Each structure stands twice: as structure tokens, then as C-alpha cells.
Amino acid sequence: VGEVGAGHPFSGTVGEGEAARIFTGAVVPAGADTVVVQENATRDGDFV
């Protein structure tokens, strides 16, 4: 549902069944409570 970079916080919320692409040092968006490293994920278009 979005992408979060350091210095560029995400204005939305990560809800049920959702994820946000995030980079080191970026503020964890509201709703999310963990970060999965990219090596443990597979990108599929608008899904992961």
C-alpha cells in the first residue's frame, strides 16, 4: 500500500492483509508492528 524511505514517513496506515515497502531508518508506518527483511520476501507486482 505504499513505500517508506528515511526522511519520508508514510501518511497512511498498514491494515489487515497489507504491507509497506520500507528502507533502513524510515519511520515504521502506523498499523505495522514488524519488519520482514527483503531476503525473506518475494515481490509480485503490487503484492509481496
All heavy atoms as atom14 arrays in JSON, in Angstrom:
{
  "sequence": "VGEVGAGHPFSGTVGEGEAARIFTGAVVPAGADTVVVQENATRDGDFV",
  "atom14_mask": [
    [1, 1, 1, 1, 1, 1, 1, 0, 0, 0, 0, 0, 0, 0],
    [1, 1, 1, 1, 0, 0, 0, 0, 0, 0, 0, 0, 0, 0],
    [1, 1, 1, 1, 1, 1, 1, 1, 1, 0, 0, 0, 0, 0],
    [1, 1, 1, 1, 1, 1, 1, 0, 0, 0, 0, 0, 0, 0],
    [1, 1, 1, 1, 0, 0, 0, 0, 0, 0, 0, 0, 0, 0],
    [1, 1, 1, 1, 1, 0, 0, 0, 0, 0, 0, 0, 0, 0],
    [1, 1, 1, 1, 0, 0, 0, 0, 0, 0, 0, 0, 0, 0],
    [1, 1, 1, 1, 1, 1, 1, 1, 1, 1, 0, 0, 0, 0],
    [1, 1, 1, 1, 1, 1, 1, 0, 0, 0, 0, 0, 0, 0],
    [1, 1, 1, 1, 1, 1, 1, 1, 1, 1, 1, 0, 0, 0],
    [1, 1, 1, 1, 1, 1, 0, 0, 0, 0, 0, 0, 0, 0],
    [1, 1, 1, 1, 0, 0, 0, 0, 0, 0, 0, 0, 0, 0],
    [1, 1, 1, 1, 1, 1, 1, 0, 0, 0, 0, 0, 0, 0],
    [1, 1, 1, 1, 1, 1, 1, 0, 0, 0, 0, 0, 0, 0],
    [1, 1, 1, 1, 0, 0, 0, 0, 0, 0, 0, 0, 0, 0],
    [1, 1, 1, 1, 1, 1, 1, 1, 1, 0, 0, 0, 0, 0],
    [1, 1, 1, 1, 0, 0, 0, 0, 0, 0, 0, 0, 0, 0],
    [1, 1, 1, 1, 1, 1, 1, 1, 1, 0, 0, 0, 0, 0],
    [1, 1, 1, 1, 1, 0, 0, 0, 0, 0, 0, 0, 0, 0],
    [1, 1, 1, 1, 1, 0, 0, 0, 0, 0, 0, 0, 0, 0],
    [1, 1, 1, 1, 1, 1, 1, 1, 1, 1, 1, 0, 0, 0],
    [1, 1, 1, 1, 1, 1, 1, 1, 0, 0, 0, 0, 0, 0],
    [1, 1, 1, 1, 1, 1, 1, 1, 1, 1, 1, 0, 0, 0],
    [1, 1, 1, 1, 1, 1, 1, 0, 0, 0, 0, 0, 0, 0],
    [1, 1, 1, 1, 0, 0, 0, 0, 0, 0, 0, 0, 0, 0],
    [1, 1, 1, 1, 1, 0, 0, 0, 0, 0, 0, 0, 0, 0],
    [1, 1, 1, 1, 1, 1, 1, 0, 0, 0, 0, 0, 0, 0],
    [1, 1, 1, 1, 1, 1, 1, 0, 0, 0, 0, 0, 0, 0],
    [1, 1, 1, 1, 1, 1, 1, 0, 0, 0, 0, 0, 0, 0],
    [1, 1, 1, 1, 1, 0, 0, 0, 0, 0, 0, 0, 0, 0],
    [1, 1, 1, 1, 0, 0, 0, 0, 0, 0, 0, 0, 0, 0],
    [1, 1, 1, 1, 1, 0, 0, 0, 0, 0, 0, 0, 0, 0],
    [1, 1, 1, 1, 1, 1, 1, 1, 0, 0, 0, 0, 0, 0],
    [1, 1, 1, 1, 1, 1, 1, 0, 0, 0, 0, 0, 0, 0],
    [1, 1, 1, 1, 1, 1, 1, 0, 0, 0, 0, 0, 0, 0],
    [1, 1, 1, 1, 1, 1, 1, 0, 0, 0, 0, 0, 0, 0],
    [1, 1, 1, 1, 1, 1, 1, 0, 0, 0, 0, 0, 0, 0],
    [1, 1, 1, 1, 1, 1, 1, 1, 1, 0, 0, 0, 0, 0],
    [1, 1, 1, 1, 1, 1, 1, 1, 1, 0, 0, 0, 0, 0],
    [1, 1, 1, 1, 1, 1, 1, 1, 0, 0, 0, 0, 0, 0],
    [1, 1, 1, 1, 1, 0, 0, 0, 0, 0, 0, 0, 0, 0],
    [1, 1, 1, 1, 1, 1, 1, 0, 0, 0, 0, 0, 0, 0],
    [1, 1, 1, 1, 1, 1, 1, 1, 1, 1, 1, 0, 0, 0],
    [1, 1, 1, 1, 1, 1, 1, 1, 0, 0, 0, 0, 0, 0],
    [1, 1, 1, 1, 0, 0, 0, 0, 0, 0, 0, 0, 0, 0],
    [1, 1, 1, 1, 1, 1, 1, 1, 0, 0, 0, 0, 0, 0],
    [1, 1, 1, 1, 1, 1, 1, 1, 1, 1, 1, 0, 0, 0],
    [1, 1, 1, 1, 1, 1, 1, 0, 0, 0, 0, 0, 0, 0]
  ],
  "atom14_positions": [
    [[0.81, -1.22, 0.0], [0.0, 0.0, 0.0], [0.84, 1.28, 0.0], [0.29, 2.38, 0.0], [-0.96, 0.01, 1.21], [-1.97, -1.12, 1.09], [-0.18, -0.08, 2.52], [0.0, 0.0, 0.0], [0.0, 0.0, 0.0], [0.0, 0.0, 0.0], [0.0, 0.0, 0.0], [0.0, 0.0, 0.0], [0.0, 0.0, 0.0], [0.0, 0.0, 0.0]],
    [[2.15, 1.13, -0.02], [2.98, 2.34, -0.02], [4.45, 2.01, 0.13], [4.85, 0.85, 0.27], [0.0, 0.0, 0.0], [0.0, 0.0, 0.0], [0.0, 0.0, 0.0], [0.0, 0.0, 0.0], [0.0, 0.0, 0.0], [0.0, 0.0, 0.0], [0.0, 0.0, 0.0], [0.0, 0.0, 0.0], [0.0, 0.0, 0.0], [0.0, 0.0, 0.0]],
    [[5.26, 3.06, 0.05], [6.71, 2.92, 0.2], [7.19, 3.97, 1.18], [6.77, 5.11, 1.14], [7.39, 3.1, -1.16], [8.91, 2.91, -1.11], [9.52, 2.92, -2.49], [9.27, 1.97, -3.27], [10.26, 3.89, -2.79], [0.0, 0.0, 0.0], [0.0, 0.0, 0.0], [0.0, 0.0, 0.0], [0.0, 0.0, 0.0], [0.0, 0.0, 0.0]],
    [[8.09, 3.56, 2.09], [8.55, 4.45, 3.16], [10.08, 4.54, 3.11], [10.77, 3.54, 3.29], [8.13, 3.92, 4.55], [8.29, 5.02, 5.59], [6.71, 3.38, 4.54], [0.0, 0.0, 0.0], [0.0, 0.0, 0.0], [0.0, 0.0, 0.0], [0.0, 0.0, 0.0], [0.0, 0.0, 0.0], [0.0, 0.0, 0.0], [0.0, 0.0, 0.0]],
    [[10.58, 5.74, 2.86], [12.03, 5.96, 2.88], [12.44, 6.78, 4.08], [11.62, 7.45, 4.72], [0.0, 0.0, 0.0], [0.0, 0.0, 0.0], [0.0, 0.0, 0.0], [0.0, 0.0, 0.0], [0.0, 0.0, 0.0], [0.0, 0.0, 0.0], [0.0, 0.0, 0.0], [0.0, 0.0, 0.0], [0.0, 0.0, 0.0], [0.0, 0.0, 0.0]],
    [[13.72, 6.75, 4.43], [14.22, 7.57, 5.53], [13.98, 9.04, 5.23], [14.32, 9.53, 4.16], [15.71, 7.3, 5.75], [0.0, 0.0, 0.0], [0.0, 0.0, 0.0], [0.0, 0.0, 0.0], [0.0, 0.0, 0.0], [0.0, 0.0, 0.0], [0.0, 0.0, 0.0], [0.0, 0.0, 0.0], [0.0, 0.0, 0.0], [0.0, 0.0, 0.0]],
    [[13.34, 9.73, 6.14], [13.01, 11.12, 5.94], [11.72, 11.35, 5.19], [11.32, 12.49, 4.96], [0.0, 0.0, 0.0], [0.0, 0.0, 0.0], [0.0, 0.0, 0.0], [0.0, 0.0, 0.0], [0.0, 0.0, 0.0], [0.0, 0.0, 0.0], [0.0, 0.0, 0.0], [0.0, 0.0, 0.0], [0.0, 0.0, 0.0], [0.0, 0.0, 0.0]],
    [[11.05, 10.26, 4.82], [9.79, 10.37, 4.08], [8.75, 9.43, 4.7], [8.46, 8.35, 4.19], [10.0, 10.01, 2.61], [10.99, 10.89, 1.92], [10.68, 12.14, 1.45], [12.31, 10.68, 1.63], [11.76, 12.68, 0.89], [12.75, 11.81, 1.0], [0.0, 0.0, 0.0], [0.0, 0.0, 0.0], [0.0, 0.0, 0.0], [0.0, 0.0, 0.0]],
    [[8.18, 9.83, 5.84], [7.21, 8.98, 6.53], [5.98, 8.68, 5.67], [5.62, 9.46, 4.77], [6.83, 9.8, 7.76], [7.96, 10.78, 7.94], [8.44, 11.08, 6.55], [0.0, 0.0, 0.0], [0.0, 0.0, 0.0], [0.0, 0.0, 0.0], [0.0, 0.0, 0.0], [0.0, 0.0, 0.0], [0.0, 0.0, 0.0], [0.0, 0.0, 0.0]],
    [[5.34, 7.55, 5.95], [4.13, 7.12, 5.25], [2.92, 7.71, 5.96], [2.77, 7.55, 7.18], [4.07, 5.59, 5.25], [2.89, 5.02, 4.52], [2.65, 5.31, 3.19], [2.02, 4.15, 5.17], [1.58, 4.76, 2.52], [0.93, 3.59, 4.51], [0.71, 3.9, 3.18], [0.0, 0.0, 0.0], [0.0, 0.0, 0.0], [0.0, 0.0, 0.0]],
    [[2.08, 8.41, 5.23], [0.94, 9.09, 5.84], [-0.24, 8.16, 6.1], [-1.12, 8.48, 6.89], [0.48, 10.25, 4.96], [0.11, 9.78, 3.66], [0.0, 0.0, 0.0], [0.0, 0.0, 0.0], [0.0, 0.0, 0.0], [0.0, 0.0, 0.0], [0.0, 0.0, 0.0], [0.0, 0.0, 0.0], [0.0, 0.0, 0.0], [0.0, 0.0, 0.0]],
    [[-0.24, 7.0, 5.44], [-1.35, 6.08, 5.62], [-1.15, 5.11, 6.76], [-0.28, 5.28, 7.62], [0.0, 0.0, 0.0], [0.0, 0.0, 0.0], [0.0, 0.0, 0.0], [0.0, 0.0, 0.0], [0.0, 0.0, 0.0], [0.0, 0.0, 0.0], [0.0, 0.0, 0.0], [0.0, 0.0, 0.0], [0.0, 0.0, 0.0], [0.0, 0.0, 0.0]],
    [[-1.95, 4.04, 6.73], [-1.91, 3.01, 7.76], [-1.82, 1.64, 7.1], [-2.46, 1.4, 6.07], [-3.16, 3.07, 8.66], [-3.21, 4.35, 9.31], [-3.14, 1.98, 9.72], [0.0, 0.0, 0.0], [0.0, 0.0, 0.0], [0.0, 0.0, 0.0], [0.0, 0.0, 0.0], [0.0, 0.0, 0.0], [0.0, 0.0, 0.0], [0.0, 0.0, 0.0]],
    [[-1.0, 0.76, 7.68], [-0.94, -0.62, 7.18], [-2.03, -1.42, 7.89], [-1.99, -1.59, 9.11], [0.45, -1.23, 7.45], [0.46, -2.72, 7.08], [1.53, -0.47, 6.69], [0.0, 0.0, 0.0], [0.0, 0.0, 0.0], [0.0, 0.0, 0.0], [0.0, 0.0, 0.0], [0.0, 0.0, 0.0], [0.0, 0.0, 0.0], [0.0, 0.0, 0.0]],
    [[-3.01, -1.85, 7.1], [-4.13, -2.58, 7.67], [-3.98, -4.08, 7.51], [-2.95, -4.59, 7.05], [0.0, 0.0, 0.0], [0.0, 0.0, 0.0], [0.0, 0.0, 0.0], [0.0, 0.0, 0.0], [0.0, 0.0, 0.0], [0.0, 0.0, 0.0], [0.0, 0.0, 0.0], [0.0, 0.0, 0.0], [0.0, 0.0, 0.0], [0.0, 0.0, 0.0]],
    [[-5.02, -4.79, 7.82], [-5.02, -6.25, 7.72], [-4.78, -6.67, 6.26], [-5.38, -6.13, 5.34], [-6.36, -6.81, 8.2], [-6.42, -8.32, 8.2], [-7.73, -8.84, 8.75], [-8.56, -8.02, 9.2], [-7.94, -10.07, 8.74], [0.0, 0.0, 0.0], [0.0, 0.0, 0.0], [0.0, 0.0, 0.0], [0.0, 0.0, 0.0], [0.0, 0.0, 0.0]],
    [[-3.81, -7.6, 6.06], [-3.51, -8.09, 4.73], [-2.69, -7.14, 3.89], [-2.58, -7.33, 2.68], [0.0, 0.0, 0.0], [0.0, 0.0, 0.0], [0.0, 0.0, 0.0], [0.0, 0.0, 0.0], [0.0, 0.0, 0.0], [0.0, 0.0, 0.0], [0.0, 0.0, 0.0], [0.0, 0.0, 0.0], [0.0, 0.0, 0.0], [0.0, 0.0, 0.0]],
    [[-2.08, -6.14, 4.53], [-1.33, -5.14, 3.78], [0.13, -5.08, 4.25], [0.49, -5.57, 5.33], [-1.97, -3.76, 3.95], [-3.37, -3.66, 3.37], [-4.01, -2.31, 3.58], [-3.6, -1.6, 4.52], [-4.93, -1.96, 2.81], [0.0, 0.0, 0.0], [0.0, 0.0, 0.0], [0.0, 0.0, 0.0], [0.0, 0.0, 0.0], [0.0, 0.0, 0.0]],
    [[0.96, -4.44, 3.4], [2.38, -4.25, 3.71], [2.83, -2.94, 3.09], [2.19, -2.43, 2.16], [3.22, -5.4, 3.18], [0.0, 0.0, 0.0], [0.0, 0.0, 0.0], [0.0, 0.0, 0.0], [0.0, 0.0, 0.0], [0.0, 0.0, 0.0], [0.0, 0.0, 0.0], [0.0, 0.0, 0.0], [0.0, 0.0, 0.0], [0.0, 0.0, 0.0]],
    [[3.93, -2.41, 3.6], [4.55, -1.21, 3.01], [6.02, -1.5, 2.79], [6.71, -2.03, 3.66], [4.36, -0.01, 3.92], [0.0, 0.0, 0.0], [0.0, 0.0, 0.0], [0.0, 0.0, 0.0], [0.0, 0.0, 0.0], [0.0, 0.0, 0.0], [0.0, 0.0, 0.0], [0.0, 0.0, 0.0], [0.0, 0.0, 0.0], [0.0, 0.0, 0.0]],
    [[6.5, -1.17, 1.59], [7.94, -1.29, 1.33], [8.65, -0.28, 2.22], [8.26, 0.89, 2.29], [8.2, -0.99, -0.14], [9.67, -1.09, -0.55], [10.1, -2.53, -0.68], [11.38, -2.65, -1.37], [12.52, -3.0, -0.78], [12.55, -3.25, 0.52], [13.62, -3.12, -1.5], [0.0, 0.0, 0.0], [0.0, 0.0, 0.0], [0.0, 0.0, 0.0]],
    [[9.72, -0.69, 2.9], [10.37, 0.21, 3.85], [11.88, 0.06, 3.73], [12.39, -1.01, 3.36], [9.9, -0.08, 5.29], [10.26, 1.09, 6.22], [10.45, -1.39, 5.82], [9.56, 1.04, 7.58], [0.0, 0.0, 0.0], [0.0, 0.0, 0.0], [0.0, 0.0, 0.0], [0.0, 0.0, 0.0], [0.0, 0.0, 0.0], [0.0, 0.0, 0.0]],
    [[12.58, 1.15, 4.04], [14.03, 1.15, 3.96], [14.64, 1.52, 5.32], [13.98, 2.12, 6.18], [14.49, 2.13, 2.87], [14.0, 1.75, 1.51], [12.8, 2.26, 1.01], [14.72, 0.86, 0.72], [12.34, 1.89, -0.25], [14.27, 0.48, -0.54], [13.07, 0.99, -1.02], [0.0, 0.0, 0.0], [0.0, 0.0, 0.0], [0.0, 0.0, 0.0]],
    [[15.87, 1.16, 5.49], [16.55, 1.35, 6.77], [16.47, 2.81, 7.22], [16.76, 3.73, 6.44], [18.03, 0.93, 6.66], [18.1, -0.43, 6.25], [18.75, 1.1, 7.99], [0.0, 0.0, 0.0], [0.0, 0.0, 0.0], [0.0, 0.0, 0.0], [0.0, 0.0, 0.0], [0.0, 0.0, 0.0], [0.0, 0.0, 0.0], [0.0, 0.0, 0.0]],
    [[16.09, 3.02, 8.49], [15.99, 4.35, 9.05], [14.66, 5.02, 8.86], [14.41, 6.08, 9.45], [0.0, 0.0, 0.0], [0.0, 0.0, 0.0], [0.0, 0.0, 0.0], [0.0, 0.0, 0.0], [0.0, 0.0, 0.0], [0.0, 0.0, 0.0], [0.0, 0.0, 0.0], [0.0, 0.0, 0.0], [0.0, 0.0, 0.0], [0.0, 0.0, 0.0]],
    [[13.77, 4.41, 8.06], [12.45, 5.0, 7.83], [11.53, 4.73, 9.01], [11.63, 3.69, 9.68], [11.84, 4.44, 6.55], [0.0, 0.0, 0.0], [0.0, 0.0, 0.0], [0.0, 0.0, 0.0], [0.0, 0.0, 0.0], [0.0, 0.0, 0.0], [0.0, 0.0, 0.0], [0.0, 0.0, 0.0], [0.0, 0.0, 0.0], [0.0, 0.0, 0.0]],
    [[10.61, 5.66, 9.25], [9.64, 5.52, 10.34], [8.66, 4.39, 10.02], [8.11, 4.32, 8.92], [8.87, 6.83, 10.57], [7.78, 6.65, 11.62], [9.83, 7.94, 10.98], [0.0, 0.0, 0.0], [0.0, 0.0, 0.0], [0.0, 0.0, 0.0], [0.0, 0.0, 0.0], [0.0, 0.0, 0.0], [0.0, 0.0, 0.0], [0.0, 0.0, 0.0]],
    [[8.49, 3.48, 10.98], [7.55, 2.37, 10.79], [6.13, 2.94, 10.71], [5.71, 3.67, 11.61], [7.66, 1.37, 11.94], [6.62, 0.26, 11.79], [9.08, 0.78, 12.01], [0.0, 0.0, 0.0], [0.0, 0.0, 0.0], [0.0, 0.0, 0.0], [0.0, 0.0, 0.0], [0.0, 0.0, 0.0], [0.0, 0.0, 0.0], [0.0, 0.0, 0.0]],
    [[5.38, 2.66, 9.65], [4.04, 3.25, 9.5], [3.06, 2.74, 10.53], [3.22, 1.65, 11.09], [3.64, 2.83, 8.08], [4.46, 1.62, 7.79], [5.74, 1.8, 8.52], [0.0, 0.0, 0.0], [0.0, 0.0, 0.0], [0.0, 0.0, 0.0], [0.0, 0.0, 0.0], [0.0, 0.0, 0.0], [0.0, 0.0, 0.0], [0.0, 0.0, 0.0]],
    [[2.06, 3.54, 10.78], [1.01, 3.14, 11.71], [0.39, 1.83, 11.26], [0.23, 1.58, 10.06], [-0.05, 4.24, 11.79], [0.0, 0.0, 0.0], [0.0, 0.0, 0.0], [0.0, 0.0, 0.0], [0.0, 0.0, 0.0], [0.0, 0.0, 0.0], [0.0, 0.0, 0.0], [0.0, 0.0, 0.0], [0.0, 0.0, 0.0], [0.0, 0.0, 0.0]],
    [[0.05, 0.97, 12.21], [-0.57, -0.3, 11.91], [0.42, -1.44, 11.82], [0.11, -2.57, 12.19], [0.0, 0.0, 0.0], [0.0, 0.0, 0.0], [0.0, 0.0, 0.0], [0.0, 0.0, 0.0], [0.0, 0.0, 0.0], [0.0, 0.0, 0.0], [0.0, 0.0, 0.0], [0.0, 0.0, 0.0], [0.0, 0.0, 0.0], [0.0, 0.0, 0.0]],
    [[1.64, -1.17, 11.34], [2.66, -2.22, 11.23], [3.36, -2.4, 12.58], [3.55, -1.44, 13.33], [3.67, -1.86, 10.16], [0.0, 0.0, 0.0], [0.0, 0.0, 0.0], [0.0, 0.0, 0.0], [0.0, 0.0, 0.0], [0.0, 0.0, 0.0], [0.0, 0.0, 0.0], [0.0, 0.0, 0.0], [0.0, 0.0, 0.0], [0.0, 0.0, 0.0]],
    [[3.75, -3.63, 12.87], [4.44, -3.89, 14.14], [5.69, -4.76, 13.96], [6.33, -5.16, 14.93], [3.51, -4.53, 15.16], [2.93, -5.86, 14.7], [3.38, -6.39, 13.66], [2.02, -6.37, 15.37], [0.0, 0.0, 0.0], [0.0, 0.0, 0.0], [0.0, 0.0, 0.0], [0.0, 0.0, 0.0], [0.0, 0.0, 0.0], [0.0, 0.0, 0.0]],
    [[6.09, -5.01, 12.72], [7.31, -5.76, 12.47], [7.82, -5.45, 11.07], [7.06, -4.97, 10.22], [7.08, -7.28, 12.64], [8.32, -7.95, 12.65], [6.23, -7.83, 11.51], [0.0, 0.0, 0.0], [0.0, 0.0, 0.0], [0.0, 0.0, 0.0], [0.0, 0.0, 0.0], [0.0, 0.0, 0.0], [0.0, 0.0, 0.0], [0.0, 0.0, 0.0]],
    [[9.11, -5.72, 10.85], [9.7, -5.53, 9.53], [10.33, -6.84, 9.11], [11.14, -7.43, 9.83], [10.77, -4.41, 9.55], [11.52, -4.37, 8.21], [10.11, -3.06, 9.83], [0.0, 0.0, 0.0], [0.0, 0.0, 0.0], [0.0, 0.0, 0.0], [0.0, 0.0, 0.0], [0.0, 0.0, 0.0], [0.0, 0.0, 0.0], [0.0, 0.0, 0.0]],
    [[9.94, -7.3, 7.92], [10.49, -8.51, 7.34], [11.59, -8.11, 6.37], [11.37, -7.27, 5.49], [9.4, -9.32, 6.61], [10.01, -10.53, 5.92], [8.31, -9.73, 7.59], [0.0, 0.0, 0.0], [0.0, 0.0, 0.0], [0.0, 0.0, 0.0], [0.0, 0.0, 0.0], [0.0, 0.0, 0.0], [0.0, 0.0, 0.0], [0.0, 0.0, 0.0]],
    [[12.78, -8.68, 6.53], [13.88, -8.3, 5.63], [13.55, -8.75, 4.21], [12.85, -9.75, 3.99], [15.2, -8.93, 6.1], [15.59, -8.37, 7.47], [15.14, -10.44, 6.14], [0.0, 0.0, 0.0], [0.0, 0.0, 0.0], [0.0, 0.0, 0.0], [0.0, 0.0, 0.0], [0.0, 0.0, 0.0], [0.0, 0.0, 0.0], [0.0, 0.0, 0.0]],
    [[14.04, -7.99, 3.24], [13.67, -8.24, 1.85], [14.12, -9.61, 1.35], [13.51, -10.17, 0.43], [14.23, -7.14, 0.96], [15.73, -6.98, 0.99], [16.19, -5.7, 0.28], [15.38, -4.78, 0.04], [17.44, -5.67, -0.1], [0.0, 0.0, 0.0], [0.0, 0.0, 0.0], [0.0, 0.0, 0.0], [0.0, 0.0, 0.0], [0.0, 0.0, 0.0]],
    [[15.18, -10.18, 2.0], [15.62, -11.52, 1.59], [14.6, -12.59, 1.9], [14.62, -13.68, 1.3], [16.95, -11.86, 2.27], [18.14, -11.05, 1.81], [18.22, -9.68, 2.46], [17.34, -9.34, 3.31], [19.16, -8.93, 2.14], [0.0, 0.0, 0.0], [0.0, 0.0, 0.0], [0.0, 0.0, 0.0], [0.0, 0.0, 0.0], [0.0, 0.0, 0.0]],
    [[13.65, -12.29, 2.82], [12.62, -13.26, 3.2], [11.28, -12.95, 2.55], [10.23, -13.41, 3.01], [12.45, -13.3, 4.72], [13.67, -13.88, 5.42], [14.43, -14.65, 4.82], [13.87, -13.52, 6.68], [0.0, 0.0, 0.0], [0.0, 0.0, 0.0], [0.0, 0.0, 0.0], [0.0, 0.0, 0.0], [0.0, 0.0, 0.0], [0.0, 0.0, 0.0]],
    [[11.33, -12.16, 1.48], [10.09, -11.79, 0.79], [10.29, -11.86, -0.72], [11.4, -11.72, -1.22], [9.67, -10.38, 1.2], [0.0, 0.0, 0.0], [0.0, 0.0, 0.0], [0.0, 0.0, 0.0], [0.0, 0.0, 0.0], [0.0, 0.0, 0.0], [0.0, 0.0, 0.0], [0.0, 0.0, 0.0], [0.0, 0.0, 0.0], [0.0, 0.0, 0.0]],
    [[9.18, -12.08, -1.43], [9.21, -12.14, -2.89], [8.19, -11.15, -3.44], [6.99, -11.25, -3.15], [8.88, -13.55, -3.39], [9.79, -14.49, -2.8], [8.98, -13.63, -4.9], [0.0, 0.0, 0.0], [0.0, 0.0, 0.0], [0.0, 0.0, 0.0], [0.0, 0.0, 0.0], [0.0, 0.0, 0.0], [0.0, 0.0, 0.0], [0.0, 0.0, 0.0]],
    [[8.69, -10.18, -4.22], [7.81, -9.16, -4.78], [7.05, -9.72, -5.97], [7.61, -10.42, -6.82], [8.64, -7.95, -5.22], [7.84, -6.76, -5.76], [7.12, -6.0, -4.66], [6.38, -4.85, -5.16], [6.74, -3.59, -5.01], [7.87, -3.29, -4.37], [6.0, -2.6, -5.47], [0.0, 0.0, 0.0], [0.0, 0.0, 0.0], [0.0, 0.0, 0.0]],
    [[5.73, -9.41, -6.04], [4.88, -9.86, -7.14], [3.96, -8.7, -7.52], [2.81, -8.63, -7.09], [4.07, -11.08, -6.71], [3.18, -11.62, -7.84], [3.43, -11.25, -9.01], [2.25, -12.39, -7.54], [0.0, 0.0, 0.0], [0.0, 0.0, 0.0], [0.0, 0.0, 0.0], [0.0, 0.0, 0.0], [0.0, 0.0, 0.0], [0.0, 0.0, 0.0]],
    [[4.52, -7.74, -8.32], [3.72, -6.59, -8.73], [3.36, -5.73, -7.54], [4.22, -5.25, -6.81], [0.0, 0.0, 0.0], [0.0, 0.0, 0.0], [0.0, 0.0, 0.0], [0.0, 0.0, 0.0], [0.0, 0.0, 0.0], [0.0, 0.0, 0.0], [0.0, 0.0, 0.0], [0.0, 0.0, 0.0], [0.0, 0.0, 0.0], [0.0, 0.0, 0.0]],
    [[2.03, -5.57, -7.34], [1.55, -4.78, -6.22], [1.4, -5.61, -4.96], [0.83, -5.14, -3.95], [0.19, -4.15, -6.56], [0.33, -3.09, -7.65], [1.45, -2.52, -7.77], [-0.65, -2.83, -8.37], [0.0, 0.0, 0.0], [0.0, 0.0, 0.0], [0.0, 0.0, 0.0], [0.0, 0.0, 0.0], [0.0, 0.0, 0.0], [0.0, 0.0, 0.0]],
    [[1.89, -6.82, -5.0], [1.8, -7.71, -3.83], [3.2, -8.18, -3.44], [4.16, -8.08, -4.2], [0.92, -8.93, -4.15], [-0.53, -8.59, -4.31], [-1.02, -8.13, -5.54], [-1.43, -8.72, -3.25], [-2.35, -7.8, -5.7], [-2.76, -8.4, -3.41], [-3.23, -7.94, -4.64], [0.0, 0.0, 0.0], [0.0, 0.0, 0.0], [0.0, 0.0, 0.0]],
    [[3.31, -8.68, -2.22], [4.54, -9.3, -1.76], [4.19, -10.57, -1.01], [3.2, -10.62, -0.29], [5.34, -8.34, -0.84], [4.56, -7.97, 0.42], [6.69, -8.94, -0.46], [0.0, 0.0, 0.0], [0.0, 0.0, 0.0], [0.0, 0.0, 0.0], [0.0, 0.0, 0.0], [0.0, 0.0, 0.0], [0.0, 0.0, 0.0], [0.0, 0.0, 0.0]]
  ]
}
